[in-house]
N, C-alpha and C. Protein backbone atom coordinates (compact mmCIF):
# COMPACT_ATOMS: atom_id res chain seq x y z
N MET A 1 217.19 116.79 42.88
CA MET A 1 216.20 116.36 43.86
C MET A 1 215.23 115.40 43.17
N ARG A 2 215.03 114.26 43.78
CA ARG A 2 214.10 113.26 43.25
C ARG A 2 212.80 113.38 44.05
N VAL A 3 211.73 113.73 43.36
CA VAL A 3 210.44 113.99 44.01
C VAL A 3 209.41 113.02 43.44
N GLY A 4 208.71 112.34 44.34
CA GLY A 4 207.67 111.40 43.93
C GLY A 4 206.29 111.95 44.20
N ILE A 5 205.30 111.27 43.65
CA ILE A 5 203.90 111.70 43.79
C ILE A 5 203.02 110.52 44.17
N THR A 6 202.08 110.78 45.03
CA THR A 6 200.96 109.89 45.28
C THR A 6 199.75 110.79 45.43
N GLY A 7 198.59 110.29 45.08
CA GLY A 7 197.43 111.17 45.22
C GLY A 7 196.15 110.57 44.68
N HIS A 8 195.10 111.29 44.95
CA HIS A 8 193.76 110.84 44.61
C HIS A 8 193.47 110.92 43.12
N ARG A 9 192.53 110.09 42.72
CA ARG A 9 192.00 110.06 41.36
C ARG A 9 190.52 110.43 41.45
N GLY A 10 189.93 110.74 40.31
CA GLY A 10 188.48 110.96 40.26
C GLY A 10 188.00 112.20 40.98
N LEU A 11 188.79 113.25 40.98
CA LEU A 11 188.39 114.49 41.65
C LEU A 11 187.48 115.32 40.75
N SER A 12 186.69 116.18 41.36
CA SER A 12 185.81 117.05 40.59
C SER A 12 186.64 118.03 39.76
N THR A 13 186.02 118.62 38.77
CA THR A 13 186.72 119.57 37.90
C THR A 13 187.29 120.73 38.70
N GLU A 14 186.53 121.24 39.66
CA GLU A 14 187.01 122.37 40.46
C GLU A 14 188.19 121.97 41.34
N VAL A 15 188.10 120.82 42.00
CA VAL A 15 189.22 120.37 42.84
C VAL A 15 190.43 120.06 41.96
N GLU A 16 190.20 119.48 40.78
CA GLU A 16 191.31 119.23 39.85
C GLU A 16 192.04 120.53 39.52
N ARG A 17 191.30 121.57 39.22
CA ARG A 17 191.91 122.86 38.88
C ARG A 17 192.79 123.35 40.02
N GLN A 18 192.27 123.26 41.24
CA GLN A 18 193.02 123.72 42.41
C GLN A 18 194.27 122.85 42.65
N VAL A 19 194.10 121.54 42.50
CA VAL A 19 195.23 120.63 42.71
C VAL A 19 196.30 120.85 41.66
N ARG A 20 195.90 121.03 40.42
CA ARG A 20 196.89 121.30 39.36
C ARG A 20 197.70 122.56 39.69
N ARG A 21 197.04 123.58 40.21
CA ARG A 21 197.74 124.81 40.58
C ARG A 21 198.72 124.54 41.72
N LEU A 22 198.28 123.80 42.73
CA LEU A 22 199.16 123.46 43.86
C LEU A 22 200.36 122.64 43.40
N LEU A 23 200.12 121.68 42.51
CA LEU A 23 201.21 120.86 42.00
C LEU A 23 202.20 121.70 41.19
N ASP A 24 201.67 122.60 40.38
CA ASP A 24 202.53 123.45 39.58
C ASP A 24 203.43 124.29 40.49
N GLN A 25 202.86 124.84 41.56
CA GLN A 25 203.65 125.63 42.51
C GLN A 25 204.69 124.76 43.21
N ALA A 26 204.29 123.55 43.61
CA ALA A 26 205.21 122.65 44.31
C ALA A 26 206.36 122.25 43.40
N VAL A 27 206.06 121.89 42.17
CA VAL A 27 207.12 121.51 41.22
C VAL A 27 208.06 122.68 41.00
N HIS A 28 207.51 123.87 40.88
CA HIS A 28 208.33 125.08 40.69
C HIS A 28 209.33 125.24 41.84
N ASP A 29 208.93 124.86 43.05
CA ASP A 29 209.82 124.97 44.22
C ASP A 29 211.07 124.12 44.07
N TYR A 30 211.00 123.04 43.28
CA TYR A 30 212.12 122.11 43.15
C TYR A 30 212.91 122.28 41.85
N VAL A 31 212.50 123.20 40.99
CA VAL A 31 213.12 123.32 39.67
C VAL A 31 214.62 123.59 39.74
N SER A 32 215.05 124.38 40.69
CA SER A 32 216.47 124.73 40.78
C SER A 32 217.33 123.58 41.32
N THR A 33 216.73 122.44 41.61
CA THR A 33 217.45 121.33 42.22
C THR A 33 217.69 120.18 41.24
N ASP A 34 217.70 120.46 39.93
CA ASP A 34 217.81 119.40 38.93
C ASP A 34 216.72 118.35 39.18
N LEU A 35 215.51 118.78 39.07
CA LEU A 35 214.34 117.99 39.41
C LEU A 35 214.20 116.72 38.57
N ILE A 36 213.99 115.62 39.27
CA ILE A 36 213.57 114.36 38.66
C ILE A 36 212.26 113.99 39.34
N GLY A 37 211.17 113.97 38.58
CA GLY A 37 209.88 113.58 39.10
C GLY A 37 209.66 112.10 38.87
N VAL A 38 209.13 111.42 39.87
CA VAL A 38 208.89 109.98 39.78
C VAL A 38 207.40 109.74 40.01
N SER A 39 206.77 109.04 39.06
CA SER A 39 205.31 108.89 39.10
C SER A 39 204.90 107.56 38.48
N CYS A 40 203.77 107.04 38.95
CA CYS A 40 203.14 105.87 38.32
C CYS A 40 202.22 106.31 37.18
N ILE A 41 202.06 107.58 36.97
CA ILE A 41 201.30 108.26 35.90
C ILE A 41 199.87 107.76 35.72
N ALA A 42 199.22 107.38 36.81
CA ALA A 42 197.78 107.08 36.75
C ALA A 42 197.03 108.37 36.47
N ASP A 43 195.76 108.24 36.09
CA ASP A 43 194.92 109.41 35.91
C ASP A 43 194.81 110.13 37.25
N GLY A 44 194.72 111.44 37.20
CA GLY A 44 194.63 112.23 38.42
C GLY A 44 195.97 112.82 38.80
N ALA A 45 196.22 112.90 40.10
CA ALA A 45 197.39 113.60 40.62
C ALA A 45 198.71 113.10 40.03
N ASP A 46 198.82 111.79 39.81
CA ASP A 46 200.07 111.23 39.25
C ASP A 46 200.40 111.86 37.90
N ALA A 47 199.43 111.88 37.01
CA ALA A 47 199.65 112.43 35.66
C ALA A 47 199.82 113.94 35.71
N TRP A 48 199.03 114.64 36.53
CA TRP A 48 199.14 116.10 36.61
C TRP A 48 200.54 116.50 37.09
N PHE A 49 201.05 115.76 38.06
CA PHE A 49 202.40 116.01 38.56
C PHE A 49 203.43 115.79 37.45
N ALA A 50 203.32 114.68 36.75
CA ALA A 50 204.26 114.35 35.67
C ALA A 50 204.25 115.44 34.60
N GLU A 51 203.06 115.90 34.25
CA GLU A 51 202.95 116.97 33.26
C GLU A 51 203.64 118.25 33.75
N ALA A 52 203.45 118.56 35.03
CA ALA A 52 204.08 119.76 35.61
C ALA A 52 205.60 119.63 35.61
N VAL A 53 206.11 118.46 35.94
CA VAL A 53 207.56 118.23 35.93
C VAL A 53 208.12 118.50 34.54
N LEU A 54 207.50 117.93 33.53
CA LEU A 54 207.98 118.12 32.16
C LEU A 54 207.85 119.57 31.71
N ARG A 55 206.74 120.20 32.08
CA ARG A 55 206.51 121.60 31.71
C ARG A 55 207.58 122.52 32.30
N HIS A 56 208.07 122.18 33.49
CA HIS A 56 209.09 122.99 34.16
C HIS A 56 210.51 122.56 33.80
N GLY A 57 210.64 121.66 32.85
CA GLY A 57 211.97 121.27 32.38
C GLY A 57 212.65 120.18 33.19
N GLY A 58 211.90 119.54 34.08
CA GLY A 58 212.47 118.44 34.85
C GLY A 58 212.46 117.14 34.06
N ARG A 59 213.11 116.13 34.61
CA ARG A 59 213.08 114.80 34.01
C ARG A 59 212.02 113.96 34.70
N LEU A 60 211.43 113.04 33.94
CA LEU A 60 210.38 112.17 34.46
C LEU A 60 210.87 110.73 34.46
N GLU A 61 210.68 110.06 35.59
CA GLU A 61 210.87 108.61 35.68
C GLU A 61 209.52 108.02 36.04
N VAL A 62 209.22 106.87 35.43
CA VAL A 62 207.92 106.24 35.63
C VAL A 62 208.10 104.90 36.33
N VAL A 63 207.22 104.62 37.28
CA VAL A 63 207.15 103.31 37.93
C VAL A 63 205.90 102.62 37.39
N VAL A 64 206.08 101.44 36.83
CA VAL A 64 204.95 100.65 36.32
C VAL A 64 204.70 99.52 37.34
N PRO A 65 203.58 99.59 38.07
CA PRO A 65 203.32 98.61 39.12
C PRO A 65 203.11 97.17 38.63
N ALA A 66 202.61 97.02 37.41
CA ALA A 66 202.33 95.67 36.89
C ALA A 66 202.26 95.72 35.37
N MET A 67 202.50 94.59 34.75
CA MET A 67 202.44 94.51 33.28
C MET A 67 201.06 94.93 32.76
N GLU A 68 200.00 94.62 33.50
CA GLU A 68 198.63 94.93 33.07
C GLU A 68 198.13 96.27 33.60
N TYR A 69 199.02 97.08 34.15
CA TYR A 69 198.64 98.33 34.80
C TYR A 69 197.89 99.27 33.87
N ARG A 70 198.44 99.52 32.69
CA ARG A 70 197.81 100.45 31.75
C ARG A 70 196.39 100.01 31.42
N ASP A 71 196.18 98.71 31.26
CA ASP A 71 194.85 98.19 30.91
C ASP A 71 193.81 98.47 31.99
N GLY A 72 194.26 98.63 33.23
CA GLY A 72 193.34 98.90 34.33
C GLY A 72 193.00 100.37 34.50
N LEU A 73 193.67 101.23 33.74
CA LEU A 73 193.38 102.66 33.79
C LEU A 73 192.24 102.97 32.84
N PRO A 74 191.52 104.07 33.06
CA PRO A 74 190.41 104.43 32.16
C PRO A 74 190.90 104.59 30.71
N ASP A 75 190.08 104.14 29.77
CA ASP A 75 190.44 104.23 28.35
C ASP A 75 190.80 105.66 27.94
N TRP A 76 190.07 106.64 28.48
CA TRP A 76 190.32 108.04 28.09
C TRP A 76 191.71 108.51 28.53
N HIS A 77 192.31 107.82 29.51
CA HIS A 77 193.63 108.21 30.02
C HIS A 77 194.78 107.57 29.23
N HIS A 78 194.50 106.55 28.45
CA HIS A 78 195.57 105.84 27.74
C HIS A 78 196.45 106.75 26.89
N PRO A 79 195.89 107.70 26.11
CA PRO A 79 196.77 108.58 25.32
C PRO A 79 197.70 109.43 26.21
N VAL A 80 197.19 109.88 27.34
CA VAL A 80 198.01 110.67 28.28
C VAL A 80 199.12 109.78 28.85
N TYR A 81 198.75 108.59 29.29
CA TYR A 81 199.71 107.63 29.84
C TYR A 81 200.81 107.35 28.81
N ASP A 82 200.39 107.05 27.59
CA ASP A 82 201.35 106.71 26.53
C ASP A 82 202.30 107.88 26.25
N GLU A 83 201.77 109.08 26.21
CA GLU A 83 202.60 110.26 25.96
C GLU A 83 203.60 110.48 27.09
N LEU A 84 203.14 110.33 28.33
CA LEU A 84 204.04 110.53 29.47
C LEU A 84 205.14 109.47 29.51
N ILE A 85 204.79 108.24 29.25
CA ILE A 85 205.80 107.18 29.31
C ILE A 85 206.83 107.35 28.19
N ARG A 86 206.40 107.92 27.07
CA ARG A 86 207.34 108.22 25.97
C ARG A 86 208.37 109.27 26.40
N HIS A 87 207.97 110.17 27.28
CA HIS A 87 208.87 111.23 27.75
C HIS A 87 209.72 110.80 28.95
N ALA A 88 209.50 109.61 29.46
CA ALA A 88 210.24 109.16 30.64
C ALA A 88 211.71 108.90 30.30
N SER A 89 212.58 109.38 31.17
CA SER A 89 214.01 109.11 30.99
C SER A 89 214.37 107.72 31.51
N ASP A 90 213.52 107.16 32.36
CA ASP A 90 213.73 105.82 32.89
C ASP A 90 212.37 105.25 33.30
N VAL A 91 212.22 103.94 33.15
CA VAL A 91 211.00 103.25 33.55
C VAL A 91 211.40 102.12 34.49
N HIS A 92 210.79 102.12 35.67
CA HIS A 92 211.05 101.10 36.69
C HIS A 92 209.84 100.17 36.74
N GLU A 93 210.07 98.87 36.69
CA GLU A 93 208.97 97.90 36.73
C GLU A 93 209.11 97.03 37.97
N THR A 94 207.97 96.67 38.55
CA THR A 94 208.00 95.80 39.74
C THR A 94 208.18 94.34 39.36
N GLY A 95 207.86 93.98 38.13
CA GLY A 95 207.93 92.58 37.71
C GLY A 95 206.63 91.84 37.93
N LEU A 96 205.65 92.51 38.54
CA LEU A 96 204.34 91.89 38.75
C LEU A 96 203.53 91.94 37.46
N ILE A 97 202.57 91.05 37.33
CA ILE A 97 201.76 90.99 36.11
C ILE A 97 200.38 91.60 36.33
N THR A 98 199.64 91.10 37.31
CA THR A 98 198.27 91.53 37.54
C THR A 98 198.23 92.90 38.22
N SER A 99 197.41 93.78 37.68
CA SER A 99 197.28 95.13 38.22
C SER A 99 196.18 95.13 39.28
N ASP A 100 196.57 94.85 40.51
CA ASP A 100 195.62 94.84 41.62
C ASP A 100 196.17 95.72 42.74
N SER A 101 195.46 95.76 43.85
CA SER A 101 195.86 96.67 44.92
C SER A 101 197.25 96.32 45.47
N ALA A 102 197.60 95.05 45.51
CA ALA A 102 198.93 94.66 45.99
C ALA A 102 200.01 95.18 45.04
N ALA A 103 199.76 95.09 43.74
CA ALA A 103 200.72 95.60 42.75
C ALA A 103 200.83 97.11 42.85
N HIS A 104 199.69 97.78 43.06
CA HIS A 104 199.71 99.24 43.17
C HIS A 104 200.53 99.67 44.38
N MET A 105 200.38 98.94 45.50
CA MET A 105 201.16 99.27 46.68
C MET A 105 202.64 98.96 46.45
N ALA A 106 202.92 97.86 45.76
CA ALA A 106 204.32 97.53 45.44
C ALA A 106 204.94 98.62 44.57
N GLY A 107 204.17 99.12 43.62
CA GLY A 107 204.65 100.22 42.78
C GLY A 107 204.93 101.46 43.60
N SER A 108 204.03 101.74 44.53
CA SER A 108 204.21 102.92 45.39
C SER A 108 205.42 102.75 46.31
N GLU A 109 205.62 101.54 46.81
CA GLU A 109 206.79 101.29 47.65
C GLU A 109 208.08 101.45 46.84
N THR A 110 208.06 100.99 45.60
CA THR A 110 209.21 101.19 44.71
C THR A 110 209.46 102.68 44.52
N LEU A 111 208.39 103.42 44.25
CA LEU A 111 208.49 104.86 44.04
C LEU A 111 209.09 105.54 45.26
N VAL A 112 208.57 105.23 46.44
CA VAL A 112 209.07 105.86 47.67
C VAL A 112 210.56 105.57 47.85
N GLY A 113 210.98 104.37 47.48
CA GLY A 113 212.39 104.01 47.59
C GLY A 113 213.31 104.77 46.65
N LEU A 114 212.74 105.39 45.64
CA LEU A 114 213.52 106.10 44.63
C LEU A 114 213.62 107.61 44.88
N VAL A 115 212.87 108.14 45.86
CA VAL A 115 212.75 109.59 45.97
C VAL A 115 213.34 110.15 47.26
N ASP A 116 213.62 111.45 47.20
CA ASP A 116 214.10 112.20 48.37
C ASP A 116 212.94 112.79 49.16
N VAL A 117 211.85 113.06 48.47
CA VAL A 117 210.65 113.62 49.10
C VAL A 117 209.43 113.11 48.33
N LEU A 118 208.34 112.91 49.04
CA LEU A 118 207.09 112.44 48.45
C LEU A 118 206.04 113.53 48.58
N ILE A 119 205.47 113.95 47.45
CA ILE A 119 204.32 114.85 47.47
C ILE A 119 203.07 113.99 47.49
N ALA A 120 202.16 114.31 48.39
CA ALA A 120 200.91 113.56 48.50
C ALA A 120 199.73 114.51 48.30
N VAL A 121 198.98 114.29 47.24
CA VAL A 121 197.73 115.02 47.03
C VAL A 121 196.70 114.21 47.80
N TRP A 122 196.47 114.64 49.04
CA TRP A 122 195.75 113.81 50.00
C TRP A 122 194.85 114.67 50.87
N ASP A 123 193.62 114.19 51.04
CA ASP A 123 192.64 114.91 51.86
C ASP A 123 192.75 114.58 53.34
N GLY A 124 193.69 113.73 53.71
CA GLY A 124 193.89 113.37 55.11
C GLY A 124 193.01 112.23 55.59
N GLU A 125 192.16 111.73 54.73
CA GLU A 125 191.24 110.65 55.09
C GLU A 125 191.89 109.29 54.87
N PRO A 126 191.35 108.23 55.52
CA PRO A 126 191.88 106.88 55.31
C PRO A 126 191.74 106.44 53.85
N ALA A 127 192.58 105.50 53.46
CA ALA A 127 192.51 104.95 52.11
C ALA A 127 191.17 104.25 51.90
N ARG A 128 190.67 104.31 50.68
CA ARG A 128 189.40 103.63 50.35
C ARG A 128 189.64 102.19 49.93
N GLY A 129 190.87 101.80 49.87
CA GLY A 129 191.26 100.43 49.54
C GLY A 129 192.75 100.30 49.74
N TYR A 130 193.24 99.07 49.90
CA TYR A 130 194.66 98.84 50.13
C TYR A 130 195.48 99.46 49.01
N GLY A 131 196.52 100.16 49.39
CA GLY A 131 197.38 100.80 48.41
C GLY A 131 196.95 102.21 48.05
N GLY A 132 195.93 102.72 48.73
CA GLY A 132 195.46 104.07 48.48
C GLY A 132 196.44 105.11 49.01
N THR A 133 196.11 106.36 48.77
CA THR A 133 197.01 107.46 49.11
C THR A 133 197.42 107.44 50.58
N ALA A 134 196.49 107.20 51.48
CA ALA A 134 196.82 107.19 52.91
C ALA A 134 197.84 106.10 53.23
N ASP A 135 197.72 104.95 52.58
CA ASP A 135 198.68 103.86 52.80
C ASP A 135 200.07 104.24 52.31
N VAL A 136 200.12 104.93 51.19
CA VAL A 136 201.42 105.35 50.64
C VAL A 136 202.05 106.41 51.53
N VAL A 137 201.24 107.34 52.02
CA VAL A 137 201.74 108.35 52.96
C VAL A 137 202.31 107.67 54.20
N ALA A 138 201.58 106.72 54.76
CA ALA A 138 202.04 106.01 55.95
C ALA A 138 203.35 105.27 55.67
N TYR A 139 203.44 104.64 54.51
CA TYR A 139 204.66 103.93 54.14
C TYR A 139 205.83 104.91 54.01
N GLY A 140 205.59 106.03 53.36
CA GLY A 140 206.64 107.04 53.23
C GLY A 140 207.14 107.50 54.58
N LYS A 141 206.23 107.79 55.48
CA LYS A 141 206.62 108.24 56.82
C LYS A 141 207.38 107.13 57.55
N HIS A 142 206.92 105.88 57.40
CA HIS A 142 207.57 104.74 58.05
C HIS A 142 209.02 104.58 57.59
N THR A 143 209.28 104.87 56.33
CA THR A 143 210.63 104.73 55.79
C THR A 143 211.50 105.96 56.04
N GLY A 144 210.91 107.00 56.61
CA GLY A 144 211.66 108.23 56.87
C GLY A 144 211.72 109.19 55.70
N THR A 145 210.95 108.90 54.66
CA THR A 145 210.89 109.79 53.51
C THR A 145 210.03 111.00 53.86
N PRO A 146 210.54 112.21 53.69
CA PRO A 146 209.71 113.39 53.96
C PRO A 146 208.48 113.40 53.06
N VAL A 147 207.33 113.71 53.64
CA VAL A 147 206.07 113.75 52.90
C VAL A 147 205.53 115.17 52.95
N ARG A 148 205.25 115.71 51.78
CA ARG A 148 204.67 117.06 51.66
C ARG A 148 203.24 116.89 51.17
N VAL A 149 202.28 117.18 52.03
CA VAL A 149 200.87 117.02 51.69
C VAL A 149 200.34 118.28 51.03
N LEU A 150 199.66 118.10 49.91
CA LEU A 150 198.99 119.20 49.21
C LEU A 150 197.50 118.87 49.14
N TRP A 151 196.69 119.81 49.56
CA TRP A 151 195.24 119.65 49.43
C TRP A 151 194.61 121.03 49.50
N PRO A 152 193.72 121.34 48.56
CA PRO A 152 193.09 122.66 48.57
C PRO A 152 192.24 122.85 49.83
N GLU A 153 192.40 123.99 50.45
CA GLU A 153 191.64 124.29 51.66
C GLU A 153 190.15 124.23 51.38
N GLY A 154 189.43 123.49 52.21
CA GLY A 154 187.98 123.39 52.10
C GLY A 154 187.49 122.42 51.03
N ALA A 155 188.39 121.81 50.28
CA ALA A 155 187.98 120.89 49.20
C ALA A 155 187.58 119.54 49.77
N THR A 156 186.68 118.87 49.06
CA THR A 156 186.31 117.51 49.41
C THR A 156 186.56 116.61 48.22
N ARG A 157 186.83 115.36 48.51
CA ARG A 157 187.13 114.39 47.47
C ARG A 157 185.88 113.96 46.73
N GLY A 158 184.77 113.93 47.42
CA GLY A 158 183.51 113.57 46.77
C GLY A 158 183.27 112.12 46.60
C-alpha cells in the first residue's frame, strides 16, 4: 500500500504530540500491507509521518518539489530532512528550481499521483496560501484518491 501525507506545519507542542500519536496509529494500520510512505518531508506532519513509516518498518519515498526546497525549510529542520532523505528508497523530483507555492503544489500533485491513499493532517479550514493542506486535499479528492483526515478532537492550529 502506497500512503502519502499532507498536513500542517507550525503546530503547538501539545497538538504536535496528539498528531504524532494519530499518525503512529494510522501508519500501524497499514503495516501489514507492505507499506510505502510518500512524503515531501517538510517540518511538521510530513516529517512525523515519514519517521513513523520508518519506525514501523515501512519504506519511505520522498518527493522534492524544487531544487531549492530544502533551503526554504527552517534551519533547525535541515538535519531531520537530511536524515530522512538518506533513508528514502526513492526520490521523486518535479524538475522545478524555485521553492514557491506553485512548486509546493506541484510536489503535492506528484505525491498524490504516486499513492493509493492520502493521509491529511488537516483542521478542515481553508488553505492559508496556494498549495496548502486544503488545496492538496481538494486535489486528492478531485483525482479520486481516497483521503483520510486526521485531526485531534478540539485542537486548533493556532
